[in-house]
Every structure is written in structure tokens, then in C-alpha cells.
Amino acid sequence: MESRLDYRTASPGAVKAMVGLEQHMAKCGLEKPLLELVRLRASQINGCAFCVDMHATDARKAGETERRLAAVAVWRETPFFTDRERAALEWTESLTLVAQNHVPDEVWDAVKTHFTQNEIVDLTLMVVAINGWNRFGVAFRHMPV
């Protein structure tokens, strides 16, 4: 598959805006391994090959195990994730698929049990950011190298 457009050079201002979201996320206080799981799961759902590759690599660098990385796509069926991680993954899936499910109350109840209000907002911003990056990656066929 061939890349359609290099969005980074086509609109540096757009990329700068996206990087601003990432800069906030780097300072927000949520655990880096958790953020990488969120990025990876949303990227899997959205079918963004570039982002799946990048965030699996980044998760490994953050100390994530191969076993857990392989299980992210089936996290509900494994015992490898904490309740906090499960709530974050459920929140990620629900927000990524918001047009289909409109974030059910049980998903809200789970996330508010394991995260503070500030953390929920930051977690939501992370999901917004990765879904944005995924749309750039998928639409313009940004390929892993």
C-alpha cells in the first residue's frame, strides 16, 4: 500500500496542534504504560497500522510485556490487566466507537470508580488524540517503517 499524502509537510500547523495534545498528555500524570495501552487499543479498533506498530514499540520501551501486548485486542478474556486498566480500555473502546454505543452508563460507572475526575478528562483527551492521529494515519495511509 502506498502513502497518499505526507500530512506532516502538507500542514505543519495541524501537526503542531496535535503535538500540543501529546505534550499535555506527557505531563498529565496518567501512567505512561496505561496511556500506551489506550493508544494501542484505539489504533487496533481503527485499523491504523502505523499507530499500532508505533505504540506497541513505545509500550515495550515503557516496560510492557509481550504477553500483555498480544492480549490487548482480547483484554476482556484475559486475567492480565488490572481493574483500572480494564476501565481505561473499556472507556477507550466506548469513546472510539461513540457513534455506535453513546458511552453506556456501565462504562461511565467503571471509569469513575478507578479514575479521578481530572484523570477521566485526561484519559478522554488521550482517546481524542489517538483517534485523531489514527484518522490521519488511515486516511493518508501512513505506513510503518
N, C-alpha and C. Protein backbone atom coordinates (compact mmCIF):
# COMPACT_ATOMS: atom_id res chain seq x y z
N MET A 1 0.84 -1.17 0.00
CA MET A 1 0.00 0.00 0.00
C MET A 1 0.90 1.24 0.00
N GLU A 2 0.51 2.21 -0.76
CA GLU A 2 1.31 3.42 -0.91
C GLU A 2 0.68 4.59 -0.14
N SER A 3 1.53 5.39 0.47
CA SER A 3 1.07 6.57 1.20
C SER A 3 0.40 7.53 0.23
N ARG A 4 -0.68 8.17 0.68
CA ARG A 4 -1.42 9.10 -0.17
C ARG A 4 -0.90 10.53 -0.07
N LEU A 5 -0.45 10.90 1.11
CA LEU A 5 -0.12 12.30 1.38
C LEU A 5 0.72 12.36 2.63
N ASP A 6 1.73 13.21 2.64
CA ASP A 6 2.50 13.43 3.86
C ASP A 6 1.87 14.61 4.59
N TYR A 7 0.97 14.30 5.50
CA TYR A 7 0.22 15.35 6.21
C TYR A 7 1.13 16.23 7.06
N ARG A 8 2.28 15.70 7.45
CA ARG A 8 3.21 16.47 8.29
C ARG A 8 3.78 17.66 7.52
N THR A 9 4.08 17.48 6.26
CA THR A 9 4.59 18.60 5.46
C THR A 9 3.46 19.40 4.81
N ALA A 10 2.34 18.76 4.54
CA ALA A 10 1.21 19.45 3.91
C ALA A 10 0.60 20.50 4.82
N SER A 11 0.58 20.25 6.13
CA SER A 11 0.00 21.21 7.08
C SER A 11 0.71 21.12 8.42
N PRO A 12 1.89 21.74 8.51
CA PRO A 12 2.63 21.70 9.78
C PRO A 12 1.84 22.25 10.96
N GLY A 13 0.96 23.21 10.71
CA GLY A 13 0.15 23.77 11.80
C GLY A 13 -0.81 22.75 12.39
N ALA A 14 -1.37 21.90 11.55
CA ALA A 14 -2.27 20.85 12.03
C ALA A 14 -1.50 19.87 12.91
N VAL A 15 -0.32 19.50 12.46
CA VAL A 15 0.51 18.58 13.23
C VAL A 15 0.93 19.23 14.54
N LYS A 16 1.25 20.51 14.50
CA LYS A 16 1.62 21.23 15.73
C LYS A 16 0.47 21.21 16.74
N ALA A 17 -0.75 21.37 16.26
CA ALA A 17 -1.91 21.32 17.15
C ALA A 17 -2.04 19.94 17.79
N MET A 18 -1.85 18.89 17.00
CA MET A 18 -1.92 17.53 17.53
C MET A 18 -0.80 17.28 18.54
N VAL A 19 0.39 17.77 18.24
CA VAL A 19 1.52 17.61 19.15
C VAL A 19 1.24 18.32 20.48
N GLY A 20 0.50 19.41 20.43
CA GLY A 20 0.12 20.10 21.66
C GLY A 20 -0.70 19.19 22.59
N LEU A 21 -1.57 18.39 22.02
CA LEU A 21 -2.33 17.42 22.82
C LEU A 21 -1.37 16.42 23.46
N GLU A 22 -0.42 15.95 22.69
CA GLU A 22 0.56 14.98 23.19
C GLU A 22 1.43 15.58 24.30
N GLN A 23 1.77 16.84 24.17
CA GLN A 23 2.57 17.50 25.20
C GLN A 23 1.80 17.57 26.52
N HIS A 24 0.52 17.84 26.44
CA HIS A 24 -0.30 17.83 27.66
C HIS A 24 -0.33 16.42 28.25
N MET A 25 -0.52 15.43 27.41
CA MET A 25 -0.61 14.05 27.90
C MET A 25 0.68 13.62 28.58
N ALA A 26 1.81 14.08 28.09
CA ALA A 26 3.11 13.70 28.68
C ALA A 26 3.25 14.24 30.10
N LYS A 27 2.52 15.30 30.43
CA LYS A 27 2.61 15.94 31.75
C LYS A 27 1.40 15.69 32.64
N CYS A 28 0.42 14.94 32.17
CA CYS A 28 -0.86 14.87 32.86
C CYS A 28 -0.87 14.03 34.13
N GLY A 29 0.08 13.14 34.27
CA GLY A 29 0.13 12.32 35.48
C GLY A 29 -0.40 10.90 35.31
N LEU A 30 -1.11 10.62 34.23
CA LEU A 30 -1.54 9.24 33.98
C LEU A 30 -0.31 8.40 33.63
N GLU A 31 -0.33 7.16 34.03
CA GLU A 31 0.81 6.27 33.86
C GLU A 31 1.10 6.05 32.37
N LYS A 32 2.37 6.18 31.99
CA LYS A 32 2.77 6.00 30.58
C LYS A 32 2.36 4.62 30.05
N PRO A 33 2.58 3.53 30.79
CA PRO A 33 2.14 2.23 30.26
C PRO A 33 0.63 2.19 29.99
N LEU A 34 -0.16 2.80 30.86
CA LEU A 34 -1.61 2.84 30.66
C LEU A 34 -1.94 3.63 29.39
N LEU A 35 -1.30 4.77 29.21
CA LEU A 35 -1.55 5.58 28.02
C LEU A 35 -1.19 4.81 26.74
N GLU A 36 -0.12 4.04 26.80
CA GLU A 36 0.26 3.25 25.61
C GLU A 36 -0.75 2.15 25.33
N LEU A 37 -1.31 1.54 26.37
CA LEU A 37 -2.37 0.54 26.15
C LEU A 37 -3.58 1.19 25.49
N VAL A 38 -3.94 2.38 25.94
CA VAL A 38 -5.07 3.11 25.36
C VAL A 38 -4.78 3.43 23.89
N ARG A 39 -3.60 3.95 23.63
CA ARG A 39 -3.24 4.28 22.24
C ARG A 39 -3.27 3.04 21.36
N LEU A 40 -2.75 1.95 21.88
CA LEU A 40 -2.70 0.71 21.12
C LEU A 40 -4.10 0.18 20.84
N ARG A 41 -4.95 0.17 21.85
CA ARG A 41 -6.30 -0.40 21.66
C ARG A 41 -7.12 0.42 20.66
N ALA A 42 -7.09 1.73 20.78
CA ALA A 42 -7.83 2.57 19.83
C ALA A 42 -7.29 2.36 18.42
N SER A 43 -5.98 2.27 18.30
CA SER A 43 -5.36 2.08 16.98
C SER A 43 -5.73 0.73 16.37
N GLN A 44 -5.86 -0.29 17.21
CA GLN A 44 -6.31 -1.60 16.72
C GLN A 44 -7.73 -1.50 16.18
N ILE A 45 -8.60 -0.86 16.95
CA ILE A 45 -10.01 -0.72 16.54
C ILE A 45 -10.09 0.03 15.22
N ASN A 46 -9.30 1.10 15.10
CA ASN A 46 -9.36 1.94 13.91
C ASN A 46 -8.57 1.40 12.73
N GLY A 47 -7.79 0.35 12.94
CA GLY A 47 -7.04 -0.25 11.86
C GLY A 47 -5.89 0.62 11.37
N CYS A 48 -5.25 1.34 12.27
CA CYS A 48 -4.13 2.20 11.90
C CYS A 48 -2.82 1.44 12.10
N ALA A 49 -2.29 0.91 11.00
CA ALA A 49 -1.08 0.09 11.07
C ALA A 49 0.10 0.87 11.63
N PHE A 50 0.28 2.11 11.19
CA PHE A 50 1.39 2.92 11.67
C PHE A 50 1.31 3.08 13.19
N CYS A 51 0.14 3.44 13.70
CA CYS A 51 -0.03 3.69 15.13
C CYS A 51 0.07 2.41 15.95
N VAL A 52 -0.47 1.30 15.47
CA VAL A 52 -0.34 0.02 16.18
C VAL A 52 1.14 -0.33 16.33
N ASP A 53 1.88 -0.20 15.24
CA ASP A 53 3.31 -0.50 15.29
C ASP A 53 4.04 0.43 16.26
N MET A 54 3.78 1.72 16.14
CA MET A 54 4.47 2.70 16.98
C MET A 54 4.15 2.51 18.46
N HIS A 55 2.88 2.31 18.78
CA HIS A 55 2.51 2.25 20.20
C HIS A 55 2.83 0.90 20.83
N ALA A 56 2.87 -0.15 20.06
CA ALA A 56 3.37 -1.43 20.60
C ALA A 56 4.85 -1.28 20.93
N THR A 57 5.59 -0.63 20.05
CA THR A 57 7.02 -0.38 20.29
C THR A 57 7.22 0.51 21.51
N ASP A 58 6.45 1.60 21.58
CA ASP A 58 6.56 2.52 22.73
C ASP A 58 6.16 1.83 24.03
N ALA A 59 5.17 0.96 23.98
CA ALA A 59 4.74 0.24 25.18
C ALA A 59 5.86 -0.70 25.67
N ARG A 60 6.52 -1.36 24.73
CA ARG A 60 7.66 -2.21 25.11
C ARG A 60 8.73 -1.38 25.81
N LYS A 61 9.03 -0.22 25.24
CA LYS A 61 10.03 0.67 25.84
C LYS A 61 9.62 1.13 27.23
N ALA A 62 8.31 1.22 27.47
CA ALA A 62 7.79 1.64 28.78
C ALA A 62 7.69 0.47 29.75
N GLY A 63 8.14 -0.73 29.30
CA GLY A 63 8.17 -1.88 30.19
C GLY A 63 7.05 -2.88 30.00
N GLU A 64 6.23 -2.69 29.00
CA GLU A 64 5.12 -3.61 28.77
C GLU A 64 5.64 -4.96 28.28
N THR A 65 4.97 -6.04 28.69
CA THR A 65 5.39 -7.38 28.29
C THR A 65 4.74 -7.78 26.97
N GLU A 66 5.41 -8.68 26.27
CA GLU A 66 4.87 -9.21 25.01
C GLU A 66 3.53 -9.89 25.24
N ARG A 67 3.41 -10.58 26.34
CA ARG A 67 2.18 -11.31 26.63
C ARG A 67 0.99 -10.36 26.73
N ARG A 68 1.17 -9.28 27.47
CA ARG A 68 0.07 -8.30 27.61
C ARG A 68 -0.19 -7.58 26.31
N LEU A 69 0.85 -7.24 25.58
CA LEU A 69 0.65 -6.57 24.29
C LEU A 69 -0.15 -7.45 23.34
N ALA A 70 0.17 -8.72 23.32
CA ALA A 70 -0.56 -9.64 22.45
C ALA A 70 -2.02 -9.79 22.87
N ALA A 71 -2.30 -9.53 24.13
CA ALA A 71 -3.65 -9.72 24.66
C ALA A 71 -4.51 -8.46 24.66
N VAL A 72 -3.95 -7.33 24.28
CA VAL A 72 -4.74 -6.08 24.32
C VAL A 72 -6.01 -6.21 23.50
N ALA A 73 -5.94 -6.84 22.33
CA ALA A 73 -7.11 -6.98 21.47
C ALA A 73 -8.20 -7.84 22.11
N VAL A 74 -7.82 -8.68 23.06
CA VAL A 74 -8.78 -9.57 23.72
C VAL A 74 -8.73 -9.38 25.25
N TRP A 75 -8.54 -8.16 25.68
CA TRP A 75 -8.32 -7.87 27.09
C TRP A 75 -9.42 -8.39 28.00
N ARG A 76 -10.65 -8.44 27.53
CA ARG A 76 -11.76 -8.92 28.37
C ARG A 76 -11.62 -10.40 28.72
N GLU A 77 -10.98 -11.15 27.84
CA GLU A 77 -10.89 -12.60 28.00
C GLU A 77 -9.62 -13.05 28.71
N THR A 78 -8.83 -12.12 29.21
CA THR A 78 -7.57 -12.49 29.86
C THR A 78 -7.53 -11.96 31.30
N PRO A 79 -6.70 -12.56 32.13
CA PRO A 79 -6.53 -12.07 33.50
C PRO A 79 -5.35 -11.10 33.64
N PHE A 80 -4.80 -10.61 32.54
CA PHE A 80 -3.53 -9.88 32.55
C PHE A 80 -3.64 -8.40 32.89
N PHE A 81 -4.83 -7.86 33.01
CA PHE A 81 -4.99 -6.42 33.19
C PHE A 81 -5.68 -6.10 34.51
N THR A 82 -5.25 -5.01 35.12
CA THR A 82 -5.84 -4.58 36.39
C THR A 82 -7.24 -4.01 36.16
N ASP A 83 -7.98 -3.83 37.23
CA ASP A 83 -9.31 -3.23 37.10
C ASP A 83 -9.22 -1.82 36.53
N ARG A 84 -8.21 -1.08 36.93
CA ARG A 84 -8.01 0.28 36.40
C ARG A 84 -7.73 0.24 34.90
N GLU A 85 -6.87 -0.66 34.47
CA GLU A 85 -6.57 -0.79 33.05
C GLU A 85 -7.82 -1.23 32.27
N ARG A 86 -8.57 -2.14 32.84
CA ARG A 86 -9.81 -2.60 32.18
C ARG A 86 -10.80 -1.45 32.01
N ALA A 87 -10.93 -0.63 33.04
CA ALA A 87 -11.83 0.52 32.94
C ALA A 87 -11.35 1.47 31.85
N ALA A 88 -10.03 1.69 31.77
CA ALA A 88 -9.48 2.58 30.74
C ALA A 88 -9.67 2.00 29.35
N LEU A 89 -9.48 0.71 29.19
CA LEU A 89 -9.67 0.07 27.89
C LEU A 89 -11.14 0.10 27.47
N GLU A 90 -12.02 -0.12 28.42
CA GLU A 90 -13.46 -0.05 28.12
C GLU A 90 -13.85 1.37 27.71
N TRP A 91 -13.33 2.36 28.45
CA TRP A 91 -13.59 3.77 28.13
C TRP A 91 -13.07 4.09 26.72
N THR A 92 -11.88 3.62 26.43
CA THR A 92 -11.27 3.83 25.12
C THR A 92 -12.14 3.25 24.01
N GLU A 93 -12.56 2.02 24.18
CA GLU A 93 -13.39 1.39 23.16
C GLU A 93 -14.71 2.13 22.99
N SER A 94 -15.32 2.51 24.10
CA SER A 94 -16.62 3.17 24.04
C SER A 94 -16.53 4.53 23.36
N LEU A 95 -15.48 5.29 23.67
CA LEU A 95 -15.32 6.60 23.04
C LEU A 95 -14.91 6.47 21.57
N THR A 96 -14.09 5.48 21.27
CA THR A 96 -13.67 5.26 19.89
C THR A 96 -14.86 4.87 19.02
N LEU A 97 -15.80 4.14 19.59
CA LEU A 97 -17.00 3.69 18.88
C LEU A 97 -18.23 4.47 19.32
N VAL A 98 -18.07 5.72 19.68
CA VAL A 98 -19.14 6.52 20.30
C VAL A 98 -20.41 6.58 19.45
N ALA A 99 -20.29 6.60 18.15
CA ALA A 99 -21.48 6.66 17.30
C ALA A 99 -22.32 5.40 17.41
N GLN A 100 -21.68 4.29 17.80
CA GLN A 100 -22.40 3.02 17.92
C GLN A 100 -23.03 2.82 19.30
N ASN A 101 -22.38 3.36 20.36
CA ASN A 101 -22.83 2.99 21.70
C ASN A 101 -23.15 4.16 22.63
N HIS A 102 -22.77 5.37 22.28
CA HIS A 102 -23.07 6.57 23.06
C HIS A 102 -22.64 6.48 24.52
N VAL A 103 -21.58 5.76 24.80
CA VAL A 103 -20.97 5.61 26.13
C VAL A 103 -22.02 5.21 27.18
N PRO A 104 -22.28 3.94 27.30
CA PRO A 104 -23.29 3.46 28.26
C PRO A 104 -22.95 3.79 29.71
N ASP A 105 -23.98 3.85 30.54
CA ASP A 105 -23.80 4.17 31.96
C ASP A 105 -22.85 3.21 32.66
N GLU A 106 -22.88 1.94 32.30
CA GLU A 106 -21.99 0.98 32.98
C GLU A 106 -20.52 1.26 32.67
N VAL A 107 -20.24 1.80 31.50
CA VAL A 107 -18.86 2.17 31.16
C VAL A 107 -18.45 3.38 31.99
N TRP A 108 -19.34 4.34 32.10
CA TRP A 108 -19.09 5.52 32.95
C TRP A 108 -18.88 5.10 34.40
N ASP A 109 -19.73 4.22 34.90
CA ASP A 109 -19.61 3.77 36.29
C ASP A 109 -18.26 3.11 36.54
N ALA A 110 -17.78 2.34 35.59
CA ALA A 110 -16.49 1.67 35.76
C ALA A 110 -15.34 2.67 35.77
N VAL A 111 -15.36 3.60 34.84
CA VAL A 111 -14.24 4.54 34.76
C VAL A 111 -14.21 5.48 35.96
N LYS A 112 -15.37 5.91 36.44
CA LYS A 112 -15.37 6.85 37.58
C LYS A 112 -15.00 6.16 38.89
N THR A 113 -15.06 4.84 38.92
CA THR A 113 -14.63 4.08 40.09
C THR A 113 -13.11 4.05 40.22
N HIS A 114 -12.42 4.08 39.09
CA HIS A 114 -10.97 3.87 39.08
C HIS A 114 -10.15 5.11 38.74
N PHE A 115 -10.82 6.20 38.37
CA PHE A 115 -10.11 7.42 37.98
C PHE A 115 -10.76 8.63 38.64
N THR A 116 -9.95 9.63 38.96
CA THR A 116 -10.48 10.89 39.47
C THR A 116 -11.13 11.64 38.30
N GLN A 117 -11.85 12.70 38.62
CA GLN A 117 -12.47 13.49 37.56
C GLN A 117 -11.42 14.05 36.61
N ASN A 118 -10.33 14.57 37.17
CA ASN A 118 -9.25 15.10 36.36
C ASN A 118 -8.65 14.02 35.47
N GLU A 119 -8.44 12.84 36.03
CA GLU A 119 -7.90 11.73 35.24
C GLU A 119 -8.86 11.30 34.13
N ILE A 120 -10.15 11.35 34.39
CA ILE A 120 -11.13 10.98 33.36
C ILE A 120 -11.06 11.96 32.19
N VAL A 121 -10.94 13.23 32.51
CA VAL A 121 -10.82 14.23 31.45
C VAL A 121 -9.54 13.99 30.65
N ASP A 122 -8.43 13.76 31.34
CA ASP A 122 -7.17 13.50 30.64
C ASP A 122 -7.22 12.20 29.85
N LEU A 123 -7.82 11.17 30.40
CA LEU A 123 -7.97 9.91 29.68
C LEU A 123 -8.82 10.12 28.42
N THR A 124 -9.86 10.92 28.55
CA THR A 124 -10.72 11.23 27.41
C THR A 124 -9.93 11.98 26.35
N LEU A 125 -9.11 12.94 26.77
CA LEU A 125 -8.29 13.67 25.82
C LEU A 125 -7.32 12.73 25.11
N MET A 126 -6.79 11.75 25.83
CA MET A 126 -5.90 10.78 25.19
C MET A 126 -6.63 10.02 24.10
N VAL A 127 -7.86 9.61 24.39
CA VAL A 127 -8.65 8.89 23.39
C VAL A 127 -8.95 9.79 22.19
N VAL A 128 -9.27 11.04 22.46
CA VAL A 128 -9.50 12.01 21.38
C VAL A 128 -8.23 12.13 20.53
N ALA A 129 -7.09 12.29 21.18
CA ALA A 129 -5.83 12.48 20.46
C ALA A 129 -5.49 11.27 19.60
N ILE A 130 -5.55 10.08 20.16
CA ILE A 130 -5.15 8.91 19.38
C ILE A 130 -6.15 8.65 18.25
N ASN A 131 -7.41 8.90 18.48
CA ASN A 131 -8.38 8.75 17.39
C ASN A 131 -8.09 9.76 16.28
N GLY A 132 -7.66 10.96 16.64
CA GLY A 132 -7.27 11.95 15.63
C GLY A 132 -6.06 11.48 14.83
N TRP A 133 -5.01 11.02 15.56
CA TRP A 133 -3.83 10.50 14.86
C TRP A 133 -4.20 9.33 13.96
N ASN A 134 -5.08 8.45 14.45
CA ASN A 134 -5.49 7.30 13.65
C ASN A 134 -6.16 7.74 12.35
N ARG A 135 -6.94 8.79 12.42
CA ARG A 135 -7.61 9.26 11.23
C ARG A 135 -6.62 9.82 10.21
N PHE A 136 -5.59 10.50 10.69
CA PHE A 136 -4.53 10.94 9.78
C PHE A 136 -3.83 9.72 9.18
N GLY A 137 -3.49 8.76 10.03
CA GLY A 137 -2.75 7.58 9.56
C GLY A 137 -3.53 6.75 8.57
N VAL A 138 -4.81 6.52 8.86
CA VAL A 138 -5.63 5.68 7.97
C VAL A 138 -5.98 6.44 6.69
N ALA A 139 -6.42 7.68 6.80
CA ALA A 139 -6.85 8.43 5.62
C ALA A 139 -5.71 8.63 4.62
N PHE A 140 -4.52 8.89 5.14
CA PHE A 140 -3.39 9.17 4.26
C PHE A 140 -2.43 7.99 4.10
N ARG A 141 -2.85 6.84 4.66
CA ARG A 141 -2.08 5.59 4.54
C ARG A 141 -0.63 5.76 5.00
N HIS A 142 -0.49 6.31 6.18
CA HIS A 142 0.83 6.46 6.78
C HIS A 142 1.32 5.06 7.19
N MET A 143 2.40 4.62 6.61
CA MET A 143 2.86 3.25 6.78
C MET A 143 3.97 3.13 7.83
N PRO A 144 4.00 2.02 8.54
CA PRO A 144 5.12 1.76 9.44
C PRO A 144 6.39 1.58 8.61
N VAL A 145 7.51 1.93 9.22
CA VAL A 145 8.79 1.78 8.51
C VAL A 145 9.62 0.70 9.15
